[in-house]
Amino acid sequence: MPRSNEENTRKPGRPRKLTRDRIIRAAIEVLEFEGFGALTMRALAQRLGVNHATLYNYIGHIEDIESEALQTLTARVPIPSIERPESLRQQLIEHLRAVLELQLQHPHMVHAPVGSPTWRTHMKITDRVLRALTADGRDLIGAAIAYNTLIALMATSAERSRSTRNAMTLPKGAQFFEVERQAILALPEEESALIRKPLLEPLPPGTPFDSLDAVLSFLIDRLLPGLQ
């Protein structure tokens, strides 16, 4: 379990020697616990347990630290590329799964302010993904809309997982939407007559919605038809 904000924040005192790695790890903690608008010299100094003036001996600009922290985080996310031997479809699914995992661990990433280092990192990743998705001549606007739709699904899935604490930890083979399906079926019939109609019977194994990968594959077929 991650430590609480209070547990991670050390009181200023005689600090241990600061290293670049330690500063980056502390920056990631600030981003994780307080949000991507909270990373300042003072917030970082508090996390490290030093006077903020001390940090100027190690850091030129806080934006540089945020960029390095983001590089550390996004290194976990594979970027689809036509240079890789795997199919673009499989690469995209792996990419989206990694984005989901990152969102689960660092929920503030999806709400980065426009123009911020985090937002610029998003744009760099999006540009690289779109280069791969349009390498076969696919329409750029359509690919961009499709990719952003899939990313939005990952953000929503991560948010629901944090709120229900079990949406993404169902037993292997369980239906991806089973938690929501059961909740809908529990609604009064007069409030959900139409939406409950296709949910009255459980989906048999092997249908297009019995796993996250199956859901993503189904959506990719429709949003990005013909993708390898």
Protein backbone atom coordinates (compact mmCIF):
# COMPACT_ATOMS: atom_id res chain seq x y z
CA MET A 1 0.00 0.00 0.00
CA PRO A 2 1.34 3.49 -0.74
CA ARG A 3 2.22 5.58 2.26
CA SER A 4 0.00 8.49 3.15
CA ASN A 5 0.88 12.04 2.31
CA GLU A 6 1.63 12.75 5.97
CA GLU A 7 3.87 9.68 6.25
CA ASN A 8 5.82 10.64 3.15
CA THR A 9 6.33 14.27 4.16
CA ARG A 10 9.37 14.69 6.35
CA LYS A 11 9.84 17.62 8.65
CA PRO A 12 12.72 19.90 7.71
CA GLY A 13 15.88 19.04 9.58
CA ARG A 14 19.36 17.86 8.85
CA PRO A 15 18.85 16.21 5.46
CA ARG A 16 20.47 13.20 3.98
CA LYS A 17 22.60 13.90 0.93
CA LEU A 18 20.35 14.72 -2.01
CA THR A 19 20.79 12.76 -5.20
CA ARG A 20 19.06 13.31 -8.52
CA ASP A 21 17.30 9.96 -8.13
CA ARG A 22 16.00 10.88 -4.68
CA ILE A 23 14.75 14.24 -5.92
CA ILE A 24 12.94 12.60 -8.86
CA ARG A 25 11.33 10.01 -6.58
CA ALA A 26 10.16 12.77 -4.25
CA ALA A 27 8.76 14.71 -7.21
CA ILE A 28 6.79 11.64 -8.30
CA GLU A 29 5.36 11.39 -4.78
CA VAL A 30 4.25 15.02 -4.88
CA LEU A 31 2.63 14.45 -8.26
CA GLU A 32 0.93 11.29 -7.04
CA PHE A 33 -0.42 12.52 -3.72
CA GLU A 34 -1.04 16.21 -4.41
CA GLY A 35 -1.63 16.47 -8.15
CA PHE A 36 0.24 17.78 -11.16
CA GLY A 37 -0.35 21.40 -10.28
CA ALA A 38 1.22 20.98 -6.85
CA LEU A 39 4.86 20.41 -7.80
CA THR A 40 6.72 23.49 -6.61
CA MET A 41 10.12 24.03 -5.01
CA ARG A 42 8.48 24.40 -1.60
CA ALA A 43 6.33 21.27 -1.99
CA LEU A 44 9.32 19.26 -3.18
CA ALA A 45 11.51 20.58 -0.35
CA GLN A 46 8.86 19.63 2.20
CA ARG A 47 8.66 16.14 0.76
CA LEU A 48 12.46 15.81 0.97
CA GLY A 49 12.66 17.35 4.43
CA VAL A 50 14.95 20.23 3.45
CA ASN A 51 14.74 23.99 3.21
CA HIS A 52 13.48 24.98 -0.23
CA ALA A 53 16.52 27.27 -0.70
CA THR A 54 18.71 24.15 -0.49
CA LEU A 55 17.09 22.73 -3.60
CA TYR A 56 18.47 25.54 -5.73
CA ASN A 57 21.89 23.94 -5.26
CA TYR A 58 20.54 20.90 -7.13
CA ILE A 59 17.75 22.20 -9.38
CA GLY A 60 17.73 24.96 -11.94
CA HIS A 61 14.01 24.88 -12.80
CA ILE A 62 11.16 22.88 -11.27
CA GLU A 63 9.90 22.20 -14.82
CA ASP A 64 13.06 20.17 -15.50
CA ILE A 65 12.31 17.94 -12.49
CA GLU A 66 8.69 17.51 -13.56
CA SER A 67 9.83 16.51 -17.05
CA GLU A 68 12.30 13.95 -15.66
CA ALA A 69 9.64 12.57 -13.31
CA LEU A 70 7.25 12.22 -16.22
CA GLN A 71 9.88 10.45 -18.31
CA THR A 72 10.34 7.98 -15.45
CA LEU A 73 6.60 7.32 -15.28
CA THR A 74 5.88 7.14 -19.00
CA ALA A 75 8.85 4.83 -19.60
CA ARG A 76 6.47 2.11 -18.40
CA VAL A 77 4.13 2.75 -21.34
CA PRO A 78 5.12 1.04 -24.62
CA ILE A 79 4.49 3.22 -27.67
CA PRO A 80 3.15 1.53 -30.82
CA SER A 81 5.59 1.65 -33.72
CA ILE A 82 5.66 0.19 -37.20
CA GLU A 83 9.28 -0.77 -36.49
CA ARG A 84 8.21 -3.38 -33.95
CA PRO A 85 7.39 -6.91 -35.15
CA GLU A 86 4.09 -7.20 -33.26
CA SER A 87 0.86 -6.20 -34.97
CA LEU A 88 -0.23 -2.61 -34.42
CA ARG A 89 -3.49 -3.92 -32.95
CA GLN A 90 -1.64 -5.86 -30.24
CA GLN A 91 0.76 -3.00 -29.63
CA LEU A 92 -2.16 -0.61 -29.19
CA ILE A 93 -3.87 -2.93 -26.71
CA GLU A 94 -0.62 -3.26 -24.72
CA HIS A 95 -0.23 0.53 -24.80
CA LEU A 96 -3.78 1.09 -23.53
CA ARG A 97 -3.35 -1.46 -20.76
CA ALA A 98 -0.17 0.29 -19.63
CA VAL A 99 -1.97 3.65 -19.71
CA LEU A 100 -4.70 2.15 -17.54
CA GLU A 101 -2.12 0.86 -15.05
CA LEU A 102 -0.42 4.25 -14.95
CA GLN A 103 -3.76 5.96 -14.38
CA LEU A 104 -4.53 3.57 -11.52
CA GLN A 105 -1.25 4.48 -9.81
CA HIS A 106 -1.13 8.17 -10.77
CA PRO A 107 -4.70 9.41 -11.28
CA HIS A 108 -3.72 13.09 -11.59
CA MET A 109 -1.95 12.50 -14.90
CA VAL A 110 -5.15 12.60 -16.91
CA HIS A 111 -6.05 16.05 -15.55
CA ALA A 112 -2.83 17.82 -16.49
CA PRO A 113 -3.34 21.54 -17.26
CA VAL A 114 -2.96 22.54 -20.91
CA GLY A 115 0.57 23.82 -21.56
CA SER A 116 2.08 22.09 -18.51
CA PRO A 117 5.05 19.68 -18.83
CA THR A 118 2.64 16.79 -18.21
CA TRP A 119 0.33 17.97 -20.98
CA ARG A 120 3.32 18.35 -23.34
CA THR A 121 4.35 14.79 -22.50
CA HIS A 122 0.82 13.62 -23.36
CA MET A 123 1.08 15.42 -26.69
CA LYS A 124 4.45 13.82 -27.51
CA ILE A 125 3.08 10.35 -26.79
CA THR A 126 -0.10 11.03 -28.76
CA ASP A 127 1.93 12.27 -31.73
CA ARG A 128 4.04 9.09 -31.76
CA VAL A 129 0.97 6.84 -31.47
CA LEU A 130 -0.80 8.68 -34.31
CA ARG A 131 2.28 8.34 -36.51
CA ALA A 132 2.01 4.57 -36.13
CA LEU A 133 -1.76 4.47 -36.59
CA THR A 134 -1.66 6.56 -39.78
CA ALA A 135 1.41 4.93 -41.35
CA ASP A 136 -0.90 2.99 -43.70
CA GLY A 137 -2.56 6.18 -44.96
CA ARG A 138 -5.39 6.17 -42.44
CA ASP A 139 -7.24 9.46 -41.93
CA LEU A 140 -5.46 11.47 -39.22
CA ILE A 141 -8.59 13.08 -37.76
CA GLY A 142 -10.37 9.74 -37.48
CA ALA A 143 -7.32 8.13 -35.87
CA ALA A 144 -6.99 10.99 -33.39
CA ILE A 145 -10.66 10.75 -32.38
CA ALA A 146 -10.40 6.97 -32.05
CA TYR A 147 -7.25 7.13 -29.92
CA ASN A 148 -8.66 9.79 -27.60
CA THR A 149 -11.85 7.75 -27.21
CA LEU A 150 -9.83 4.70 -26.16
CA ILE A 151 -7.71 6.77 -23.75
CA ALA A 152 -10.90 8.19 -22.23
CA LEU A 153 -12.15 4.63 -21.65
CA MET A 154 -8.92 3.81 -19.81
CA ALA A 155 -9.26 6.91 -17.62
CA THR A 156 -12.89 6.06 -16.82
CA SER A 157 -12.00 2.44 -16.07
CA ALA A 158 -9.22 3.53 -13.72
CA GLU A 159 -11.55 5.94 -11.92
CA ARG A 160 -14.20 3.26 -11.47
CA SER A 161 -11.61 0.80 -10.26
CA ARG A 162 -10.50 3.22 -7.56
CA SER A 163 -14.08 3.94 -6.50
CA THR A 164 -15.35 0.33 -6.48
CA ARG A 165 -11.98 -1.23 -5.57
CA ASN A 166 -12.89 -4.37 -7.48
CA ALA A 167 -13.79 -3.37 -11.03
CA MET A 168 -10.33 -4.21 -12.34
CA THR A 169 -9.57 -7.09 -9.93
CA LEU A 170 -12.27 -9.52 -10.99
CA PRO A 171 -11.26 -13.21 -11.13
CA LYS A 172 -9.58 -14.30 -14.33
CA GLY A 173 -12.20 -14.92 -17.00
CA ALA A 174 -14.85 -12.83 -15.26
CA GLN A 175 -16.71 -10.39 -17.45
CA PHE A 176 -15.14 -6.97 -17.68
CA PHE A 177 -18.49 -5.21 -17.23
CA GLU A 178 -19.94 -7.65 -14.70
CA VAL A 179 -19.81 -5.19 -11.78
CA GLU A 180 -21.75 -2.56 -13.70
CA ARG A 181 -24.11 -5.17 -15.16
CA GLN A 182 -25.10 -6.38 -11.71
CA ALA A 183 -25.56 -2.79 -10.49
CA ILE A 184 -27.87 -2.00 -13.44
CA LEU A 185 -29.92 -5.12 -12.85
CA ALA A 186 -30.37 -4.03 -9.23
CA LEU A 187 -32.04 -0.77 -10.32
CA PRO A 188 -35.84 -0.48 -10.15
CA GLU A 189 -37.23 -1.82 -13.41
CA GLU A 190 -39.19 1.35 -14.14
CA GLU A 191 -35.90 3.32 -14.11
CA SER A 192 -33.94 0.93 -16.32
CA ALA A 193 -36.35 -0.93 -18.56
CA LEU A 194 -34.45 -0.28 -21.77
CA ILE A 195 -30.84 -0.51 -20.59
CA ARG A 196 -31.47 -3.69 -18.58
CA LYS A 197 -33.04 -5.53 -21.53
CA PRO A 198 -29.76 -6.79 -23.06
CA LEU A 199 -28.35 -7.54 -19.60
CA LEU A 200 -30.95 -9.99 -18.35
CA GLU A 201 -28.84 -12.96 -19.38
CA PRO A 202 -25.12 -13.28 -18.53
CA LEU A 203 -22.78 -13.06 -21.50
CA PRO A 204 -21.40 -16.50 -22.33
CA PRO A 205 -17.61 -16.96 -22.35
CA GLY A 206 -16.01 -15.94 -25.64
CA THR A 207 -18.39 -13.09 -26.39
CA PRO A 208 -16.81 -9.75 -27.33
CA PHE A 209 -17.14 -8.27 -23.82
CA ASP A 210 -15.82 -10.94 -21.45
CA SER A 211 -12.41 -9.28 -20.88
CA LEU A 212 -10.72 -5.91 -21.20
CA ASP A 213 -8.70 -7.09 -24.19
CA ALA A 214 -11.89 -8.28 -25.88
CA VAL A 215 -13.59 -4.94 -25.26
CA LEU A 216 -10.58 -3.07 -26.66
CA SER A 217 -10.41 -5.34 -29.69
CA PHE A 218 -14.14 -4.81 -30.33
CA LEU A 219 -13.73 -1.03 -30.14
CA ILE A 220 -10.60 -1.01 -32.30
CA ASP A 221 -12.50 -2.92 -35.00
CA ARG A 222 -15.08 -0.17 -35.09
CA LEU A 223 -12.98 2.91 -34.41
CA LEU A 224 -9.94 1.87 -36.45
CA PRO A 225 -11.28 -0.63 -39.02
CA GLY A 226 -8.67 -2.62 -40.85
CA LEU A 227 -5.90 -2.08 -38.27
CA GLN A 228 -3.76 -5.15 -38.89
